Amino acid sequence: MLKPPGKKPRILVTNDDGINAPGLKVMEAIAREISDEVWVVAPEINHSGAGHSLTLRRPLRTRRLSERHYAVDGTPTDCVLLALQNILEDKAINLVLSGVNHGHNLGEDVTYSGTIAACMEATLLQVPAIAFSQACHERHPVKWKTAEQWAPGVIRPMLSMEWPTDVLVNLNFPDVVAGSVKGVKVTRQGKSKIGDELIERIDPRGEPYVWIGLSRDEAEHADDTDVFAVRAGWVSVTPIQLDMTHRESFAKLTKLLQSQQE
């Protein structure tokens, strides 16, 4: 177990949408509701869909924007790694907040999400971490106020919680105005895979190309899942563990392979 972050944690804010993203400003405002000690280290450019990728074949550069704001020319994972072990190594950061992402991170989105990946890296480095995503409609203004108003009340109870060493928390806010949110639900990961729609087109030179579209999954979802909760107007809170070992298969494979060696 990790120690609780405490009532006044030292907070690192990061994201995957980039240092100039509107959601990062919202995330910083949320963090300042919790603590006076807030630092921002985020990617220079958008890295949505980067997953838990780490830059290994070129050097990374850090640009200091102000006393507590830095941009890194790398992935969200790079940002957290550099922040905790280089840029802010003397600050003893004890809570990482990632987001607020432009769009939800539900179901299988978590395997692609740079927002989630930043929290994965923090978790591997033994720092409690929470990911935040604001669901939205492609052609409608993003309801950032929903995340901004609801997030502090969800974070505060967690500040006294002992954190398992391999667990992060994934928060998703529904695409409704703050006053219409039904409440907060603790949920399990549902099923909703991004990229189910592939859009094939022809460029001006006559060459074919493909856009990977968003999920168009309209299937029914169990009412204890993150997908159901957010679609129904709830704030979804999902604990995610990094140990992906499937215990039942572990036991079956052990028995099967042992029998082959006898």
Protein backbone atom coordinates (compact mmCIF):
# COMPACT_ATOMS: atom_id res chain seq x y z
CA MET A 1 0.00 0.00 0.00
CA LEU A 2 1.05 3.58 -0.72
CA LYS A 3 0.64 6.32 1.85
CA PRO A 4 -2.42 8.57 1.42
CA PRO A 5 -1.62 11.79 -0.51
CA GLY A 6 -2.91 13.78 2.46
CA LYS A 7 -5.13 16.86 2.72
CA LYS A 8 -2.59 19.16 1.04
CA PRO A 9 -0.73 17.01 -1.50
CA ARG A 10 2.02 18.17 -3.83
CA ILE A 11 0.37 17.71 -7.20
CA LEU A 12 1.76 17.07 -10.68
CA VAL A 13 -0.69 17.91 -13.47
CA THR A 14 -0.21 16.42 -16.93
CA ASN A 15 -2.26 15.33 -19.95
CA ASP A 16 -2.08 13.85 -23.45
CA ASP A 17 -3.79 16.70 -25.37
CA GLY A 18 -0.77 18.97 -25.05
CA ILE A 19 0.47 21.94 -23.05
CA ASN A 20 -1.96 24.38 -24.70
CA ALA A 21 -5.08 22.23 -24.36
CA PRO A 22 -8.14 23.82 -22.69
CA GLY A 23 -8.59 20.70 -20.56
CA LEU A 24 -5.14 21.14 -19.03
CA LYS A 25 -6.12 24.58 -17.74
CA VAL A 26 -9.27 23.02 -16.27
CA MET A 27 -7.16 20.29 -14.66
CA GLU A 28 -4.83 22.86 -13.12
CA ALA A 29 -7.80 24.83 -11.77
CA ILE A 30 -9.16 21.63 -10.20
CA ALA A 31 -5.75 20.87 -8.67
CA ARG A 32 -5.58 24.35 -7.15
CA GLU A 33 -8.90 23.68 -5.42
CA ILE A 34 -7.07 20.85 -3.63
CA SER A 35 -3.59 22.26 -3.01
CA ASP A 36 -1.40 25.34 -3.34
CA GLU A 37 1.53 23.20 -4.50
CA VAL A 38 0.77 22.41 -8.14
CA TRP A 39 3.22 21.83 -11.00
CA VAL A 40 2.37 21.27 -14.67
CA VAL A 41 4.50 19.10 -16.97
CA ALA A 42 2.76 18.26 -20.26
CA PRO A 43 3.59 17.30 -23.87
CA GLU A 44 4.46 20.03 -26.36
CA ILE A 45 1.86 18.63 -28.79
CA ASN A 46 -1.22 16.41 -28.76
CA HIS A 47 -0.47 12.73 -28.06
CA SER A 48 -4.00 11.32 -27.96
CA GLY A 49 -3.97 7.56 -28.54
CA ALA A 50 -0.27 7.29 -27.67
CA GLY A 51 -0.94 4.70 -25.00
CA HIS A 52 1.88 3.90 -22.59
CA SER A 53 4.61 4.70 -25.12
CA LEU A 54 8.09 5.77 -24.00
CA THR A 55 10.61 7.65 -26.15
CA LEU A 56 13.77 5.53 -26.35
CA ARG A 57 15.52 6.36 -29.63
CA ARG A 58 16.05 10.11 -29.35
CA PRO A 59 16.83 12.59 -26.58
CA LEU A 60 14.03 14.49 -24.87
CA ARG A 61 13.97 18.24 -24.40
CA THR A 62 12.21 20.18 -21.66
CA ARG A 63 11.05 23.77 -22.07
CA ARG A 64 10.41 25.83 -18.95
CA LEU A 65 7.43 28.12 -19.52
CA SER A 66 7.23 29.60 -16.02
CA GLU A 67 8.22 28.73 -12.46
CA ARG A 68 5.83 25.75 -12.27
CA HIS A 69 5.01 25.03 -15.93
CA TYR A 70 7.06 22.84 -18.26
CA ALA A 71 6.59 21.36 -21.73
CA VAL A 72 8.30 18.14 -22.85
CA ASP A 73 8.75 17.14 -26.50
CA GLY A 74 7.61 13.60 -25.76
CA THR A 75 4.69 11.43 -24.75
CA PRO A 76 2.56 11.64 -21.59
CA THR A 77 4.62 8.76 -20.18
CA ASP A 78 7.82 10.71 -20.88
CA CYS A 79 6.35 13.74 -19.10
CA VAL A 80 5.57 11.86 -15.90
CA LEU A 81 8.90 10.03 -15.90
CA LEU A 82 10.89 13.25 -16.40
CA ALA A 83 8.76 15.22 -13.96
CA LEU A 84 9.09 12.76 -11.09
CA GLN A 85 12.68 11.71 -11.63
CA ASN A 86 14.29 14.83 -13.10
CA ILE A 87 12.39 18.12 -13.30
CA LEU A 88 10.67 17.87 -9.90
CA GLU A 89 12.76 15.20 -8.21
CA ASP A 90 13.28 17.45 -5.16
CA LYS A 91 9.57 18.28 -4.77
CA ALA A 92 8.32 14.90 -3.45
CA ILE A 93 5.18 14.85 -5.60
CA ASN A 94 2.57 12.63 -3.95
CA LEU A 95 -0.40 12.91 -6.33
CA VAL A 96 -0.60 12.94 -10.14
CA LEU A 97 -3.69 14.27 -11.94
CA SER A 98 -3.93 13.63 -15.68
CA GLY A 99 -6.39 15.42 -17.98
CA VAL A 100 -8.91 16.76 -18.30
CA ASN A 101 -9.08 14.79 -21.54
CA HIS A 102 -11.15 16.11 -24.46
CA GLY A 103 -13.50 13.13 -24.80
CA HIS A 104 -14.22 10.10 -22.65
CA ASN A 105 -11.89 7.22 -21.78
CA LEU A 106 -14.30 4.34 -21.26
CA GLY A 107 -14.10 0.58 -21.78
CA GLU A 108 -11.16 -0.45 -23.94
CA ASP A 109 -10.22 3.20 -24.47
CA VAL A 110 -7.93 2.78 -21.46
CA THR A 111 -5.52 0.63 -23.50
CA TYR A 112 -4.99 3.44 -26.04
CA SER A 113 -5.28 6.52 -23.86
CA GLY A 114 -2.29 8.73 -23.16
CA THR A 115 -4.31 10.25 -20.31
CA ILE A 116 -4.50 6.85 -18.62
CA ALA A 117 -0.88 6.05 -19.57
CA ALA A 118 0.40 9.07 -17.64
CA CYS A 119 -1.29 7.63 -14.55
CA MET A 120 0.13 4.20 -15.29
CA GLU A 121 3.63 5.65 -15.27
CA ALA A 122 2.98 7.47 -12.00
CA THR A 123 1.65 4.25 -10.49
CA LEU A 124 4.76 2.36 -11.58
CA LEU A 125 6.78 5.07 -9.85
CA GLN A 126 4.76 4.57 -6.66
CA VAL A 127 2.75 7.80 -6.81
CA PRO A 128 -1.08 7.76 -6.53
CA ALA A 129 -2.69 8.90 -9.77
CA ILE A 130 -6.13 9.85 -11.10
CA ALA A 131 -7.14 10.27 -14.77
CA PHE A 132 -9.92 12.67 -15.78
CA SER A 133 -11.91 12.73 -19.02
CA GLN A 134 -14.86 14.86 -20.12
CA ALA A 135 -17.30 13.12 -22.45
CA CYS A 136 -18.46 15.31 -25.31
CA HIS A 137 -20.26 15.34 -28.63
CA GLU A 138 -18.03 15.91 -31.65
CA ARG A 139 -19.86 19.03 -32.85
CA HIS A 140 -20.93 20.53 -29.51
CA PRO A 141 -18.96 22.76 -27.11
CA VAL A 142 -17.17 20.73 -24.43
CA LYS A 143 -18.83 21.08 -21.02
CA TRP A 144 -15.60 21.70 -19.09
CA LYS A 145 -17.53 23.22 -16.18
CA THR A 146 -18.95 19.78 -15.41
CA ALA A 147 -15.50 18.35 -14.72
CA GLU A 148 -14.37 21.52 -12.96
CA GLN A 149 -17.32 21.57 -10.56
CA TRP A 150 -17.55 17.83 -9.83
CA ALA A 151 -13.89 16.78 -9.68
CA PRO A 152 -12.81 18.36 -6.36
CA GLY A 153 -15.60 16.64 -4.45
CA VAL A 154 -14.54 13.28 -5.88
CA ILE A 155 -10.83 13.83 -5.24
CA ARG A 156 -11.02 14.99 -1.63
CA PRO A 157 -12.26 11.70 -0.10
CA MET A 158 -9.44 9.87 -1.91
CA LEU A 159 -6.78 12.00 -0.20
CA SER A 160 -7.12 9.94 2.98
CA MET A 161 -7.23 6.59 1.17
CA GLU A 162 -4.37 4.08 1.23
CA TRP A 163 -3.58 3.27 -2.40
CA PRO A 164 -2.69 -0.23 -3.61
CA THR A 165 0.70 -0.05 -5.30
CA ASP A 166 -0.60 -1.15 -8.72
CA VAL A 167 -3.92 0.73 -8.92
CA LEU A 168 -4.90 4.03 -10.54
CA VAL A 169 -8.33 5.65 -10.70
CA ASN A 170 -10.13 6.58 -13.93
CA LEU A 171 -12.78 9.34 -13.75
CA ASN A 172 -15.17 10.17 -16.58
CA PHE A 173 -17.65 13.05 -16.56
CA PRO A 174 -20.88 12.85 -18.57
CA ASP A 175 -21.75 15.14 -21.48
CA VAL A 176 -24.28 17.15 -19.48
CA VAL A 177 -24.14 20.50 -17.70
CA ALA A 178 -22.91 20.32 -14.12
CA GLY A 179 -26.35 20.83 -12.60
CA SER A 180 -27.76 17.85 -14.52
CA VAL A 181 -25.21 15.29 -13.30
CA LYS A 182 -27.05 12.53 -11.41
CA GLY A 183 -24.20 11.84 -8.99
CA VAL A 184 -21.10 9.67 -8.68
CA LYS A 185 -20.91 5.92 -9.30
CA VAL A 186 -18.03 3.53 -8.71
CA THR A 187 -17.97 1.34 -11.82
CA ARG A 188 -16.13 -1.47 -13.54
CA GLN A 189 -14.58 -1.20 -16.99
CA GLY A 190 -17.13 -1.82 -19.72
CA LYS A 191 -16.85 -2.67 -23.42
CA SER A 192 -16.52 0.12 -25.95
CA LYS A 193 -13.68 -0.16 -28.46
CA ILE A 194 -12.45 2.86 -30.36
CA GLY A 195 -11.67 2.41 -34.07
CA ASP A 196 -14.65 0.24 -34.97
CA GLU A 197 -15.31 2.56 -37.89
CA LEU A 198 -12.75 2.83 -40.73
CA ILE A 199 -13.38 5.62 -43.22
CA GLU A 200 -11.86 5.05 -46.68
CA ARG A 201 -11.38 8.02 -49.00
CA ILE A 202 -9.37 9.21 -52.00
CA ASP A 203 -6.92 12.12 -51.74
CA PRO A 204 -6.60 14.90 -54.39
CA ARG A 205 -3.88 12.86 -56.17
CA GLY A 206 -6.15 9.87 -56.52
CA GLU A 207 -4.45 7.82 -53.81
CA PRO A 208 -6.56 5.94 -51.26
CA TYR A 209 -6.25 6.60 -47.53
CA VAL A 210 -8.00 5.50 -44.36
CA TRP A 211 -9.14 7.45 -41.29
CA ILE A 212 -9.54 5.47 -38.08
CA GLY A 213 -12.92 6.63 -36.79
CA LEU A 214 -14.41 6.67 -33.33
CA SER A 215 -16.44 3.92 -31.75
CA ARG A 216 -20.03 3.73 -32.94
CA ASP A 217 -20.99 1.09 -30.38
CA GLU A 218 -24.63 1.59 -29.40
CA ALA A 219 -25.07 -1.85 -27.79
CA GLU A 220 -26.59 -2.27 -24.36
CA HIS A 221 -24.18 -2.12 -21.43
CA ALA A 222 -24.46 -3.53 -17.93
CA ASP A 223 -25.55 -0.89 -15.45
CA ASP A 224 -22.43 -1.33 -13.28
CA THR A 225 -20.04 -0.31 -16.09
CA ASP A 226 -18.32 3.00 -16.81
CA VAL A 227 -19.92 3.17 -20.26
CA PHE A 228 -23.46 2.85 -18.91
CA ALA A 229 -22.90 5.30 -16.05
CA VAL A 230 -21.52 8.13 -18.21
CA ARG A 231 -24.17 7.69 -20.90
CA ALA A 232 -26.82 7.84 -18.17
CA GLY A 233 -25.45 11.12 -16.75
CA TRP A 234 -23.30 9.90 -13.85
CA VAL A 235 -19.68 10.63 -12.98
CA SER A 236 -17.89 7.29 -13.35
CA VAL A 237 -15.07 6.30 -10.97
CA THR A 238 -13.20 3.14 -11.99
CA PRO A 239 -10.19 1.66 -10.17
CA ILE A 240 -7.79 0.08 -12.69
CA GLN A 241 -5.02 -2.34 -11.78
CA LEU A 242 -1.77 -2.71 -13.71
CA ASP A 243 -1.40 -6.43 -12.97
CA MET A 244 -3.24 -7.86 -15.98
CA THR A 245 -2.68 -11.51 -15.06
CA HIS A 246 -5.85 -13.56 -15.59
CA ARG A 247 -5.94 -15.74 -12.48
CA GLU A 248 -8.30 -18.41 -13.76
CA SER A 249 -6.24 -18.96 -16.92
CA PHE A 250 -3.07 -18.94 -14.82
CA ALA A 251 -4.35 -21.89 -12.81
CA LYS A 252 -5.57 -23.75 -15.90
CA LEU A 253 -2.33 -23.24 -17.81
CA THR A 254 -0.23 -24.27 -14.82
CA LYS A 255 -2.16 -27.51 -14.51
CA LEU A 256 -2.13 -28.16 -18.27
CA LEU A 257 1.58 -27.54 -18.79
CA GLN A 258 2.61 -29.45 -15.69
CA SER A 259 0.70 -32.47 -16.96
CA GLN A 260 2.61 -32.27 -20.27
CA GLN A 261 5.93 -32.50 -18.42
CA GLU A 262 5.03 -35.53 -16.34
